[in-house]
Protein backbone atom coordinates (compact mmCIF):
# COMPACT_ATOMS: atom_id res chain seq x y z
CA MET A 1 -30.36 -7.98 7.71
CA LYS A 2 -28.69 -9.24 4.56
CA LEU A 3 -25.04 -10.11 5.15
CA SER A 4 -23.82 -7.76 2.43
CA ASP A 5 -25.78 -4.94 4.12
CA TYR A 6 -23.95 -5.73 7.34
CA VAL A 7 -20.58 -5.48 5.54
CA ALA A 8 -21.53 -2.05 4.15
CA GLU A 9 -22.64 -0.89 7.61
CA PHE A 10 -19.40 -2.15 9.12
CA LEU A 11 -17.28 -0.27 6.58
CA ALA A 12 -19.22 2.94 7.15
CA GLY A 13 -18.82 2.48 10.90
CA LEU A 14 -15.04 2.48 10.45
CA GLY A 15 -15.21 5.95 8.93
CA ILE A 16 -14.49 4.72 5.41
CA ARG A 17 -16.34 7.02 3.02
CA HIS A 18 -15.22 5.61 -0.33
CA VAL A 19 -14.72 2.02 -1.45
CA PHE A 20 -13.00 1.35 -4.78
CA ALA A 21 -14.96 -1.37 -6.50
CA ILE A 22 -15.35 -3.12 -9.83
CA THR A 23 -18.44 -5.21 -10.10
CA GLY A 24 -18.84 -8.80 -11.20
CA GLY A 25 -21.15 -11.73 -10.59
CA ALA A 26 -19.65 -12.47 -7.17
CA ALA A 27 -19.59 -8.83 -6.00
CA VAL A 28 -22.97 -7.38 -7.03
CA HIS A 29 -24.57 -7.76 -3.60
CA LEU A 30 -21.67 -6.10 -1.77
CA ILE A 31 -21.71 -3.12 -4.11
CA ASP A 32 -25.50 -2.86 -4.08
CA SER A 33 -25.47 -2.72 -0.29
CA ILE A 34 -22.96 0.14 -0.31
CA ALA A 35 -25.08 1.97 -2.90
CA LYS A 36 -28.10 1.92 -0.58
CA ARG A 37 -26.29 3.92 2.11
CA SER A 38 -25.80 7.68 2.28
CA ASP A 39 -22.72 7.59 4.51
CA ILE A 40 -20.47 5.60 2.17
CA ASP A 41 -20.09 5.43 -1.60
CA TYR A 42 -18.38 3.22 -4.16
CA ILE A 43 -15.99 4.54 -6.80
CA CYS A 44 -15.53 2.64 -10.05
CA PRO A 45 -11.95 2.53 -11.33
CA GLN A 46 -11.32 1.01 -14.74
CA HIS A 47 -9.19 -1.91 -13.51
CA GLU A 48 -8.99 -3.86 -10.25
CA GLN A 49 -5.25 -3.23 -9.99
CA ALA A 50 -6.00 0.48 -10.02
CA GLY A 51 -8.75 -0.02 -7.46
CA ALA A 52 -6.35 -1.76 -5.10
CA MET A 53 -3.80 1.04 -5.56
CA ALA A 54 -6.46 3.72 -5.09
CA ALA A 55 -7.42 2.15 -1.74
CA ASP A 56 -3.72 2.18 -0.83
CA GLY A 57 -3.46 5.89 -1.73
CA TYR A 58 -6.64 6.59 0.26
CA ALA A 59 -5.09 4.94 3.33
CA ARG A 60 -1.76 6.76 2.96
CA ALA A 61 -3.46 10.13 2.67
CA THR A 62 -5.71 9.59 5.70
CA GLY A 63 -3.58 7.33 7.88
CA GLN A 64 -6.72 5.18 8.25
CA LEU A 65 -8.08 2.08 6.55
CA GLY A 66 -8.66 2.08 2.83
CA ALA A 67 -10.98 -0.43 1.17
CA ALA A 68 -11.44 -2.08 -2.22
CA ILE A 69 -13.84 -4.71 -3.56
CA SER A 70 -13.51 -7.06 -6.51
CA THR A 71 -15.35 -10.02 -7.91
CA SER A 72 -13.92 -13.53 -7.90
CA GLY A 73 -11.28 -15.03 -10.20
CA PRO A 74 -9.59 -12.44 -12.43
CA GLY A 75 -11.12 -9.59 -10.46
CA ALA A 76 -9.41 -10.80 -7.29
CA THR A 77 -6.10 -11.70 -8.93
CA ASN A 78 -5.95 -8.29 -10.59
CA MET A 79 -5.73 -6.71 -7.13
CA ILE A 80 -2.54 -8.55 -6.16
CA THR A 81 0.00 -5.93 -7.29
CA GLY A 82 -1.84 -3.26 -5.32
CA ILE A 83 -2.03 -5.55 -2.29
CA CYS A 84 1.74 -6.00 -2.52
CA CYS A 85 2.21 -2.22 -2.44
CA ALA A 86 0.27 -2.01 0.82
CA TYR A 87 2.00 -5.04 2.35
CA TYR A 88 5.59 -4.04 1.71
CA ASP A 89 4.96 -0.46 2.88
CA SER A 90 2.86 -1.50 5.91
CA VAL A 91 -0.28 0.31 4.79
CA PRO A 92 -3.60 -0.77 6.39
CA VAL A 93 -6.10 -1.66 3.66
CA LEU A 94 -9.14 -3.95 3.76
CA TYR A 95 -9.51 -5.89 0.52
CA ILE A 96 -12.77 -7.77 -0.02
CA SER A 97 -13.20 -10.25 -2.84
CA GLY A 98 -16.41 -11.92 -3.87
CA GLN A 99 -16.16 -15.69 -4.29
CA VAL A 100 -18.25 -18.36 -5.97
CA SER A 101 -21.00 -19.88 -3.85
CA THR A 102 -19.86 -22.33 -1.19
CA PHE A 103 -21.54 -25.25 -2.98
CA ARG A 104 -19.41 -24.46 -6.06
CA LEU A 105 -16.06 -24.43 -4.23
CA LYS A 106 -13.79 -27.23 -5.42
CA GLY A 107 -12.60 -28.07 -1.91
CA ALA A 108 -10.28 -31.09 -1.76
CA ARG A 109 -11.59 -32.75 -4.92
CA GLY A 110 -8.27 -32.40 -6.72
CA ILE A 111 -9.77 -30.56 -9.67
CA ARG A 112 -8.56 -27.16 -10.80
CA GLN A 113 -11.89 -25.39 -10.68
CA LEU A 114 -15.53 -26.17 -9.98
CA GLY A 115 -17.35 -22.85 -9.92
CA PHE A 116 -17.14 -20.42 -12.82
CA GLN A 117 -14.32 -17.90 -12.10
CA GLU A 118 -13.35 -19.78 -8.94
CA THR A 119 -9.81 -18.95 -7.81
CA GLU A 120 -8.20 -19.66 -4.44
CA ILE A 121 -7.33 -16.04 -3.82
CA VAL A 122 -6.84 -16.52 -0.08
CA GLU A 123 -3.96 -18.95 -0.56
CA MET A 124 -2.41 -16.68 -3.17
CA CYS A 125 -2.58 -13.68 -0.85
CA ARG A 126 -1.44 -15.23 2.43
CA PRO A 127 2.22 -14.26 1.86
CA ILE A 128 1.31 -10.64 1.06
CA THR A 129 -1.30 -9.91 3.73
CA LYS A 130 -1.35 -9.84 7.50
CA TYR A 131 -4.53 -11.93 7.42
CA ALA A 132 -6.50 -13.63 4.65
CA VAL A 133 -9.61 -15.72 5.16
CA LEU A 134 -12.42 -17.37 3.22
CA VAL A 135 -15.71 -16.90 5.08
CA THR A 136 -17.69 -20.15 5.04
CA ASP A 137 -20.17 -19.46 7.85
CA PRO A 138 -22.38 -16.35 7.69
CA GLN A 139 -22.44 -16.22 11.49
CA GLN A 140 -18.69 -15.50 11.45
CA ILE A 141 -18.82 -12.34 9.34
CA ARG A 142 -18.62 -9.91 12.28
CA TYR A 143 -15.78 -11.90 13.85
CA GLU A 144 -13.76 -12.02 10.64
CA LEU A 145 -14.27 -8.34 9.80
CA GLU A 146 -13.29 -7.23 13.31
CA LYS A 147 -10.29 -9.55 13.41
CA ALA A 148 -9.05 -8.48 10.01
CA CYS A 149 -9.34 -4.76 10.77
CA PHE A 150 -7.68 -5.19 14.17
CA LEU A 151 -4.71 -6.95 12.60
CA ALA A 152 -4.48 -4.45 9.74
CA GLN A 153 -3.93 -1.59 12.18
CA THR A 154 -2.08 -3.25 15.07
CA GLY A 155 1.69 -3.56 15.44
CA ARG A 156 3.27 -3.27 12.03
CA PRO A 157 0.24 -2.36 9.87
CA GLY A 158 -0.62 -4.01 6.58
CA PRO A 159 -3.37 -5.19 4.23
CA VAL A 160 -5.91 -7.90 4.95
CA LEU A 161 -8.20 -9.89 2.63
CA ILE A 162 -11.68 -11.28 3.24
CA ASP A 163 -13.12 -13.61 0.59
CA ILE A 164 -16.92 -13.82 0.79
CA PRO A 165 -18.88 -16.37 -1.27
CA ASP A 166 -21.82 -15.08 -3.25
CA ASN A 167 -24.47 -17.18 -1.50
CA LEU A 168 -23.29 -15.99 1.92
CA GLN A 169 -23.59 -12.37 0.82
CA ARG A 170 -27.31 -13.04 0.29
CA GLU A 171 -27.87 -14.76 3.66
CA GLU A 172 -30.12 -13.16 6.27
CA ILE A 173 -28.36 -12.66 9.60
CA ASP A 174 -29.20 -11.22 13.00
CA PRO A 175 -26.44 -8.69 13.79
CA SER A 176 -27.20 -8.83 17.52
CA ALA A 177 -26.49 -12.57 17.56
CA LEU A 178 -23.14 -12.44 15.76
CA PRO A 179 -20.05 -13.29 17.82
CA GLY A 180 -17.41 -10.59 17.89
CA PHE A 181 -13.62 -10.71 17.96
CA SER A 182 -11.64 -10.14 21.14
CA PRO A 183 -7.88 -9.80 20.84
CA PRO A 184 -6.13 -12.72 22.54
CA GLU A 185 -4.18 -12.04 25.71
CA ASP A 186 -0.91 -12.71 23.89
CA ALA A 187 -1.80 -10.34 21.06
CA GLU A 188 0.88 -7.93 19.94
CA PRO A 189 0.79 -5.01 22.41
CA ALA A 190 0.07 -1.50 21.21
CA THR A 191 3.32 -0.38 22.83
CA LEU A 192 6.45 -2.33 23.64
CA ASN A 193 8.31 -1.71 26.85
CA VAL A 194 11.68 0.00 26.42
CA PRO A 195 13.72 -0.51 29.62
CA GLU A 196 15.29 2.52 31.25
CA VAL A 197 18.73 0.98 30.93
CA VAL A 198 18.32 0.93 27.15
CA LEU A 199 17.32 4.60 27.08
CA ARG A 200 20.30 5.53 29.24
CA GLN A 201 22.62 3.58 26.94
CA CYS A 202 21.23 5.42 23.92
CA ARG A 203 21.84 8.75 25.63
CA ASP A 204 25.37 7.81 26.68
CA LEU A 205 26.31 6.57 23.22
CA LEU A 206 25.00 9.77 21.65
CA HIS A 207 27.07 11.84 24.07
CA ALA A 208 30.19 9.79 23.42
CA ALA A 209 29.97 10.06 19.65
CA ARG A 210 31.77 12.73 17.62
CA ARG A 211 29.86 12.23 14.36
CA PRO A 212 26.35 11.04 15.29
CA VAL A 213 23.52 10.85 12.76
CA LEU A 214 19.76 10.47 13.23
CA ILE A 215 17.95 8.45 10.55
CA LEU A 216 14.17 8.72 10.39
CA GLY A 217 12.02 6.35 8.34
CA TRP A 218 8.47 5.56 7.24
CA GLY A 219 7.77 3.88 10.59
CA VAL A 220 7.67 7.33 12.17
CA ARG A 221 4.70 8.21 9.97
CA LEU A 222 3.00 4.84 10.53
CA ALA A 223 3.25 5.33 14.29
CA GLY A 224 1.92 8.88 14.13
CA GLY A 225 5.16 10.06 15.71
CA GLU A 226 5.98 13.06 13.52
CA ALA A 227 5.69 15.64 16.29
CA GLN A 228 7.81 13.56 18.66
CA ALA A 229 10.44 13.01 15.98
CA LEU A 230 10.70 16.75 15.35
CA ARG A 231 11.20 17.32 19.07
CA LEU A 232 13.99 14.73 19.00
CA VAL A 233 15.64 16.52 16.08
CA GLU A 234 15.67 19.78 18.00
CA ALA A 235 16.86 18.12 21.20
CA LEU A 236 19.79 16.28 19.61
CA GLN A 237 20.87 19.00 17.16
CA ILE A 238 22.65 16.44 14.96
CA PRO A 239 22.43 15.80 11.19
CA VAL A 240 19.18 14.13 10.14
CA LEU A 241 18.99 11.74 7.21
CA LEU A 242 15.55 11.00 5.78
CA THR A 243 14.41 7.94 3.89
CA TRP A 244 12.10 8.42 0.93
CA GLY A 245 9.12 7.58 3.14
CA VAL A 246 9.65 10.71 5.26
CA VAL A 247 11.59 12.95 2.89
CA ASP A 248 8.86 15.52 3.51
CA LEU A 249 9.25 15.53 7.31
CA LEU A 250 11.73 18.42 7.37
CA PRO A 251 11.66 21.41 5.04
CA ALA A 252 14.61 21.74 2.68
CA GLU A 253 15.96 24.80 4.48
CA HIS A 254 16.10 23.13 7.91
CA PRO A 255 19.73 23.46 9.10
CA LEU A 256 19.92 19.84 10.30
CA GLN A 257 18.40 18.28 7.17
CA ALA A 258 21.22 16.25 5.63
CA GLY A 259 19.30 14.93 2.63
CA THR A 260 18.45 11.46 1.43
CA PHE A 261 20.97 8.65 1.23
CA GLY A 262 21.45 5.30 -0.45
CA THR A 263 21.78 4.10 -4.03
CA HIS A 264 19.71 7.03 -5.34
CA GLY A 265 20.45 9.47 -2.54
CA THR A 266 22.27 12.78 -2.56
CA ARG A 267 26.06 12.87 -2.49
CA TYR A 268 26.12 14.93 0.69
CA GLY A 269 23.67 12.51 2.33
CA ASN A 270 25.89 9.56 1.50
CA PHE A 271 29.00 11.39 2.69
CA THR A 272 27.22 12.06 5.96
CA VAL A 273 26.10 8.51 6.65
CA GLN A 274 29.36 6.92 5.52
CA ASN A 275 31.38 9.24 7.76
CA ALA A 276 29.20 8.79 10.85
CA ASP A 277 30.55 7.11 13.95
CA LEU A 278 27.11 6.46 15.46
CA ILE A 279 23.71 6.01 13.83
CA LEU A 280 20.39 6.17 15.62
CA SER A 281 17.82 4.83 13.16
CA VAL A 282 14.14 5.10 14.09
CA GLY A 283 11.38 3.52 12.03
CA CYS A 284 13.64 2.53 9.15
CA ARG A 285 14.40 -1.07 8.25
CA LEU A 286 17.63 -0.09 6.46
CA ASP A 287 16.91 -2.01 3.28
CA THR A 288 19.55 -2.47 0.57
CA HIS A 289 18.20 0.54 -1.34
CA VAL A 290 19.56 2.80 1.40
CA THR A 291 22.53 0.72 2.57
CA GLY A 292 23.94 -0.44 -0.75
CA SER A 293 25.42 -3.93 -1.03
CA PRO A 294 26.84 -5.79 0.71
CA LEU A 295 25.20 -4.69 3.93
CA ASN A 296 28.44 -4.63 5.94
CA THR A 297 29.78 -1.79 3.77
CA PHE A 298 27.13 0.57 5.13
CA ALA A 299 28.43 3.19 7.60
CA ARG A 300 31.43 0.94 8.22
CA GLU A 301 32.89 3.09 11.01
CA ALA A 302 29.64 3.54 12.90
CA GLY A 303 27.93 1.96 15.83
CA LYS A 304 24.31 1.30 14.94
CA ILE A 305 21.23 1.67 17.14
CA VAL A 306 18.18 0.52 15.18
CA VAL A 307 14.60 0.90 16.43
CA ASP A 308 11.95 -1.16 14.63
CA ILE A 309 8.61 -2.64 15.63
CA ASP A 310 9.32 -5.86 13.70
CA SER A 311 11.78 -8.17 15.45
CA ALA A 312 12.49 -10.02 12.18
CA GLU A 313 13.77 -6.77 10.67
CA LEU A 314 16.20 -6.44 13.58
CA ASP A 315 17.35 -10.04 13.38
CA LYS A 316 18.26 -9.89 9.69
CA PHE A 317 21.36 -7.73 10.16
CA ALA A 318 23.48 -10.40 11.83
CA ASP A 319 22.62 -12.80 9.01
CA TYR A 320 24.11 -10.36 6.50
CA GLY A 321 27.30 -9.47 8.32
CA MET A 322 26.20 -6.23 10.00
CA PRO A 323 25.46 -6.97 13.68
CA LEU A 324 23.78 -4.09 15.46
CA THR A 325 25.14 -2.26 18.46
CA MET A 326 21.60 -2.14 19.81
CA GLY A 327 18.49 -3.57 18.18
CA ILE A 328 15.45 -2.13 19.96
CA ARG A 329 12.01 -3.55 19.24
CA ALA A 330 9.60 -0.69 19.78
CA ASP A 331 6.94 1.48 18.19
CA ALA A 332 8.70 4.52 16.74
CA LYS A 333 6.48 7.07 18.46
CA ASP A 334 6.63 5.29 21.80
CA PHE A 335 10.41 4.96 21.69
CA VAL A 336 10.98 8.63 20.89
CA GLU A 337 8.55 9.72 23.62
CA ARG A 338 10.47 7.61 26.13
CA LEU A 339 13.87 8.83 24.94
CA LEU A 340 13.03 12.54 24.94
CA PRO A 341 13.28 13.05 28.74
CA TYR A 342 16.83 11.66 28.59
CA VAL A 343 18.03 14.09 25.92
CA GLU A 344 15.89 17.21 26.19
CA GLY A 345 17.54 19.87 28.27
CA SER A 346 20.72 17.83 28.76
CA GLN A 347 24.20 19.06 27.95
CA PRO A 348 25.00 19.45 24.23
CA LEU A 349 26.41 16.45 22.43
CA ASN A 350 30.21 16.32 22.09
CA ALA A 351 31.83 18.11 19.13
CA VAL A 352 28.52 18.36 17.28
CA PRO A 353 29.07 21.95 16.06
CA ASP A 354 32.17 20.86 14.10
CA TRP A 355 30.34 17.84 12.68
CA ASN A 356 27.31 19.92 11.70
CA ALA A 357 29.60 22.41 10.00
CA GLN A 358 31.24 19.60 8.03
CA VAL A 359 27.86 18.30 6.83
CA LYS A 360 26.79 21.83 5.89
CA SER A 361 29.95 22.24 3.82
CA TRP A 362 29.22 19.01 1.92
CA LYS A 363 25.67 20.18 1.30
CA GLN A 364 26.99 23.41 -0.20
CA ALA A 365 29.76 21.72 -2.20
CA TYR A 366 27.59 18.97 -3.70
CA PRO A 367 24.17 20.39 -4.65
CA VAL A 368 21.76 18.17 -6.54
CA ASP A 369 21.24 20.45 -9.53
CA THR A 370 24.62 20.97 -11.21
CA PRO A 371 25.77 21.22 -14.84
CA LYS A 372 26.87 17.58 -14.59
CA SER A 373 23.40 16.42 -13.51
CA TYR A 374 21.70 17.89 -16.63
CA CYS A 375 22.32 16.44 -20.07
CA GLY A 376 21.76 19.86 -21.71
CA GLU A 377 18.70 18.92 -23.77
CA GLY A 378 14.97 19.13 -23.12
CA VAL A 379 13.59 20.05 -19.72
CA ASN A 380 15.94 19.78 -16.76
CA PRO A 381 14.00 17.57 -14.31
CA TYR A 382 15.88 18.99 -11.32
CA GLN A 383 14.63 22.45 -12.28
CA LEU A 384 11.13 21.10 -12.82
CA VAL A 385 10.80 19.62 -9.34
CA LYS A 386 11.93 22.89 -7.75
CA HIS A 387 9.16 24.76 -9.55
CA LEU A 388 6.59 22.10 -8.67
CA ALA A 389 7.33 22.67 -4.99
CA ALA A 390 7.20 26.43 -5.39
CA ALA A 391 3.96 26.59 -7.41
CA ALA A 392 1.96 23.94 -5.55
CA LEU A 393 0.01 24.54 -2.38
CA ALA A 394 1.86 24.30 0.91
CA GLN A 395 -0.27 21.22 1.72
CA GLU A 396 0.01 19.55 -1.70
CA HIS A 397 0.15 15.73 -1.80
CA PHE A 398 2.39 14.37 -4.58
CA PHE A 399 2.03 10.77 -5.74
CA ILE A 400 5.03 9.64 -7.75
CA ASP A 401 5.60 6.72 -10.09
CA THR A 402 8.67 4.56 -10.20
CA GLY A 403 11.68 5.14 -12.43
CA CYS A 404 13.72 8.28 -12.88
CA GLY A 405 10.82 10.44 -11.73
CA VAL A 406 10.84 9.22 -8.15
CA ALA A 407 14.63 9.57 -7.92
CA TRP A 408 14.54 13.14 -9.27
CA MET A 409 11.75 14.07 -6.87
CA MET A 410 13.39 12.50 -3.83
CA GLN A 411 16.80 13.98 -4.60
CA GLY A 412 15.81 17.50 -5.54
CA PHE A 413 12.31 18.39 -4.31
CA PRO A 414 12.59 21.33 -1.84
CA VAL A 415 9.68 20.61 0.49
CA LYS A 416 7.75 23.63 1.72
CA GLY A 417 5.03 23.78 4.35
CA THR A 418 3.28 20.45 4.88
CA GLN A 419 3.75 19.11 1.36
CA ARG A 420 3.80 15.32 1.23
CA LEU A 421 5.56 12.97 -1.21
CA PHE A 422 4.16 9.45 -1.65
CA HIS A 423 5.39 6.44 -3.60
CA ALA A 424 4.97 2.68 -3.40
CA PHE A 425 8.44 2.66 -1.90
CA ASN A 426 9.17 -1.06 -1.75
CA ASN A 427 7.03 -2.77 -4.37
CA THR A 428 7.51 0.28 -6.60
CA PRO A 429 5.46 -0.79 -9.65
CA MET A 430 5.02 1.26 -12.77
CA GLY A 431 1.48 2.61 -12.88
CA TYR A 432 1.01 3.28 -9.16
CA ALA A 433 0.92 7.07 -9.10
CA LEU A 434 -2.25 7.78 -11.08
CA PRO A 435 -4.66 5.44 -9.23
CA ALA A 436 -3.08 6.24 -5.86
CA SER A 437 -3.57 9.96 -6.52
CA ILE A 438 -7.22 9.22 -7.31
CA GLY A 439 -7.64 7.49 -3.96
CA ALA A 440 -5.95 10.37 -2.16
CA SER A 441 -8.10 12.92 -3.95
CA PHE A 442 -11.27 11.28 -2.66
CA ALA A 443 -9.77 11.00 0.81
CA MET A 444 -8.80 14.68 0.97
CA GLY A 445 -12.02 16.15 -0.37
CA SER A 446 -11.08 19.58 -1.64
CA GLY A 447 -7.38 19.04 -0.91
CA GLN A 448 -4.91 19.34 -3.75
CA VAL A 449 -3.24 16.24 -5.23
CA SER A 450 -0.57 16.01 -7.91
CA CYS A 451 0.52 12.97 -9.89
CA VAL A 452 4.08 12.74 -11.22
CA THR A 453 4.39 9.81 -13.61
CA GLY A 454 6.54 8.62 -16.48
CA ASP A 455 5.51 7.57 -19.96
CA GLY A 456 6.03 3.92 -19.08
CA GLY A 457 4.18 4.22 -15.79
CA LEU A 458 1.23 6.05 -17.30
CA GLN A 459 0.83 3.37 -19.95
CA MET A 460 0.33 0.76 -17.19
CA ASN A 461 -2.84 2.44 -15.90
CA ILE A 462 -3.66 5.02 -18.56
CA GLN A 463 -7.32 3.98 -18.46
CA GLU A 464 -7.64 5.74 -15.09
CA LEU A 465 -7.58 9.10 -16.87
CA ALA A 466 -11.27 8.32 -17.41
CA THR A 467 -11.81 8.00 -13.65
CA VAL A 468 -10.25 11.42 -13.03
CA LEU A 469 -12.53 13.04 -15.60
CA ARG A 470 -15.62 11.08 -14.53
CA HIS A 471 -15.40 12.67 -11.08
CA GLN A 472 -13.69 15.92 -12.15
CA LEU A 473 -10.96 15.35 -9.59
CA PRO A 474 -8.66 18.41 -9.44
CA ILE A 475 -5.52 16.31 -9.94
CA LYS A 476 -2.57 17.89 -11.72
CA ILE A 477 -0.81 15.21 -13.77
CA PHE A 478 2.79 15.85 -14.78
CA LEU A 479 4.01 13.34 -17.36
CA LEU A 480 7.80 13.04 -17.47
CA ASN A 481 7.97 12.10 -21.14
CA ASN A 482 11.42 10.79 -22.08
CA GLY A 483 10.39 8.20 -24.63
CA GLY A 484 11.37 5.07 -22.75
CA TYR A 485 12.34 3.35 -19.53
CA ASN A 486 15.31 5.55 -18.71
CA MET A 487 16.03 4.08 -15.30
CA ILE A 488 16.39 0.69 -16.97
CA GLN A 489 18.53 2.24 -19.69
CA GLN A 490 20.87 3.54 -17.00
CA THR A 491 21.17 0.01 -15.60
CA GLN A 492 21.77 -1.35 -19.10
CA GLU A 493 24.59 1.15 -19.54
CA GLN A 494 26.16 -0.02 -16.29
CA TRP A 495 25.90 -3.75 -16.96
CA LEU A 496 25.15 -4.37 -20.65
CA ASP A 497 27.23 -1.83 -22.57
CA GLY A 498 24.16 0.21 -23.41
CA ARG A 499 22.17 -2.51 -25.15
CA TYR A 500 18.71 -1.01 -24.66
CA GLU A 501 16.57 -4.10 -25.15
CA ALA A 502 12.88 -3.60 -24.20
CA SER A 503 13.57 -0.12 -22.80
CA THR A 504 13.32 2.17 -25.86
CA VAL A 505 11.05 2.55 -28.86
CA ALA A 506 13.79 1.06 -31.03
CA GLY A 507 14.02 -1.75 -28.48
CA GLY A 508 10.35 -2.67 -28.70
CA LEU A 509 8.31 -0.09 -26.77
CA ALA A 510 5.41 1.91 -28.20
CA PHE A 511 3.98 5.20 -26.98
CA PRO A 512 1.01 7.27 -28.19
CA ASP A 513 0.74 11.02 -28.56
CA PHE A 514 -0.10 11.59 -24.90
CA ILE A 515 -1.50 15.08 -25.42
CA LYS A 516 -4.02 13.75 -27.94
CA VAL A 517 -4.95 10.89 -25.60
CA ALA A 518 -5.46 13.27 -22.66
CA GLU A 519 -7.55 15.61 -24.81
CA ALA A 520 -9.65 12.67 -25.97
CA TYR A 521 -10.47 11.93 -22.34
CA GLY A 522 -11.36 15.60 -21.82
CA PHE A 523 -8.33 17.05 -20.03
CA LYS A 524 -7.04 20.57 -20.26
CA THR A 525 -3.49 20.06 -21.51
CA LEU A 526 -0.17 21.85 -21.41
CA SER A 527 3.22 20.98 -22.88
CA ILE A 528 6.53 22.01 -21.30
CA THR A 529 9.40 21.79 -23.78
CA SER A 530 12.04 24.15 -22.39
CA ASN A 531 13.51 25.20 -19.06
CA GLU A 532 12.51 28.80 -19.71
CA SER A 533 8.82 27.86 -19.89
CA ILE A 534 8.76 25.84 -16.66
CA PRO A 535 7.71 28.62 -14.23
CA GLU A 536 4.91 29.97 -16.39
CA LEU A 537 3.39 26.63 -17.41
CA VAL A 538 3.67 24.95 -14.01
CA GLY A 539 2.03 28.04 -12.52
CA ARG A 540 -0.71 27.87 -15.14
CA ALA A 541 -1.36 24.19 -14.34
CA TYR A 542 -1.88 24.99 -10.68
CA ALA A 543 -4.02 28.01 -11.45
CA GLU A 544 -6.60 25.80 -13.19
CA PRO A 545 -9.37 24.69 -10.80
CA GLY A 546 -9.93 21.25 -12.31
CA PRO A 547 -7.87 18.35 -13.67
CA VAL A 548 -4.87 19.24 -15.84
CA PHE A 549 -2.55 17.05 -17.91
CA CYS A 550 0.94 18.48 -18.42
CA ASP A 551 3.33 16.79 -20.86
CA VAL A 552 6.95 17.50 -19.87
CA GLN A 553 9.46 16.78 -22.63
CA ILE A 554 12.65 15.37 -21.11
CA SER A 555 15.59 14.19 -23.17
CA PRO A 556 16.05 10.42 -23.48
CA ALA A 557 19.70 11.09 -22.56
CA GLN A 558 18.80 12.56 -19.16
CA ARG A 559 19.88 10.36 -16.25
CA VAL A 560 19.63 10.23 -12.47
CA VAL A 561 22.78 11.83 -11.08
CA PRO A 562 24.17 10.54 -8.80
CA GLN A 563 23.23 6.89 -8.89
CA VAL A 564 25.13 3.92 -7.45
CA LYS A 565 25.49 0.87 -9.67
CA PHE A 566 23.06 -1.83 -8.61
CA GLY A 567 24.64 -4.33 -6.23
CA ARG A 568 27.47 -2.01 -5.19
CA PRO A 569 28.15 -0.16 -1.91
CA ILE A 570 26.83 3.38 -1.72
CA GLU A 571 29.54 5.65 -3.05
CA ASP A 572 32.72 5.84 -1.01
CA PRO A 573 33.03 9.02 1.02
CA GLU A 574 35.02 11.76 -0.63
CA PRO A 575 36.86 12.56 1.50
CA PHE A 576 36.55 9.92 4.22
CA LEU A 577 37.18 11.51 7.57
CA PRO A 578 39.93 9.85 9.64
CA ARG A 579 38.97 7.50 12.39
CA GLU A 580 39.03 9.31 15.72
CA GLU A 581 41.04 8.07 18.70
CA PHE A 582 37.92 8.27 20.84
CA PHE A 583 36.27 5.60 18.70
CA ARG A 584 38.77 3.02 19.91
CA ASN A 585 39.20 4.40 23.40
CA MET A 586 35.65 5.36 24.34
CA LEU A 587 32.90 4.30 21.95
CA VAL A 588 34.02 0.72 21.31
CA PRO A 589 34.11 -0.22 25.03
CA MET A 590 30.68 1.35 25.47
CA LEU A 591 29.32 -0.63 22.54
CA GLU A 592 30.66 -3.85 24.01
CA ALA A 593 29.10 -2.99 27.37
CA CYS A 594 25.75 -2.42 25.68
CA LYS A 595 25.91 -5.83 24.02
CA LYS A 596 26.52 -7.49 27.39
CA ASP A 597 23.61 -5.64 29.01
């Protein structure tokens, strides 16, 4: 069997049905081998960056491995931004790059390049992958593929890269003679033991608290612990704060849903977290986007129990002046499963009805869509996102680009049914949403996918409109067209007295007539220019069976409201509830006891 045929068979055996690939001299054999099979197919994006992002979107939609292939040199380096998206969000993706033949590798000669389009992509990608390797022995291909895929999906997931030289792809191998990979005995365990004493301490702290809050993060999804997390919500009956990664976990009308929080969170969400006296955070690394800066200003009155599978994420807090009450290294699903027997059916938590009532009153007093949040011109984005949720299918998958669009969606989107909201949450590049929605559309088959992008983001990967039309993917694209980089403009107003350099047309940007561009590609197009037309035109977009491009005219003056100035603490509570006597008399001694245990 030819080695490239073995790679194609291996990918198909993993259940991967689509590989996003752009050909080149060092990748032709890999792609040809995929083409010969009926159980796997290759999809041609228009750019390797888009291919890497499509594989990421494919993995997010399925919860399984995604895959992308590029040629050597520029083909491989073009994938790096997409690889970063998968790495920082812990998404398992297998990236395969073709490489120049082994006899053309420069090795230790001290020259910059020997083979044509030779680039040391493995060394470049080591910091942004869980595993990266150059295959130099054809007999090691099974071992390296198995090892890479094991690491991609074990512990904290993430992308892996295998670089395969062209001459090795053409080698004949005997699959039955290839050595396989066996995880070492000290490999990261699938589950991490959580001692009973820790679970009892968590229960006791929750019962002692007067203003407890449950924070759920992306790690809950990665662990497949959604059902367990929902059971925990119902068992605790305390306010639940959701990070952007799981903003779709609870429907908007759920009585315990306390919104999003952080620098671009809701006001009522920030009031809730800043007034808490105890936080139980599961599957959230509490990055500065949700805590504000400096870290020690976050939930300053609260004890903090943080559950994370990555010990380094737990260790960081002490370095930044926010030592944890309890840092528990565990898989999110496993931890919740182990905690549930300690809290299900037990006596209600202390004073929670009063605390829940307080949070409900903030939610009513500080809605997202207010006269102050709308500039009064063009389409109100907070109204738009409400109608998107209402008109879309109950199982719609939304892929969202960075900038104002993701903030508007995460603040104001009223999730219904099993709708999902996706974003490259931590790398957050412009241009992610369109290729990621393409990957998800292939993953979901007939499932519905929507893309919410900005004018700046669309320009970064506008060529992928051709990919949508080539395959007639039923993606609904909503372009938030505000004529510039408005999120950057908001930062420039905060720090630079509104000097809009490189963020407006007057400041150097250039935009086409997007409707004409979309029509040139072959899209059915719509244009939303007023709030009154939103319901009809959004409904019309979703009524169309195929791809639709919808240009939404939003005023350049429209901003994200509220937003915390970069580098500042998340907004001070208003009002800040007084510190309770019990905090000094009961909770503090318990926290100290936990630290000693």
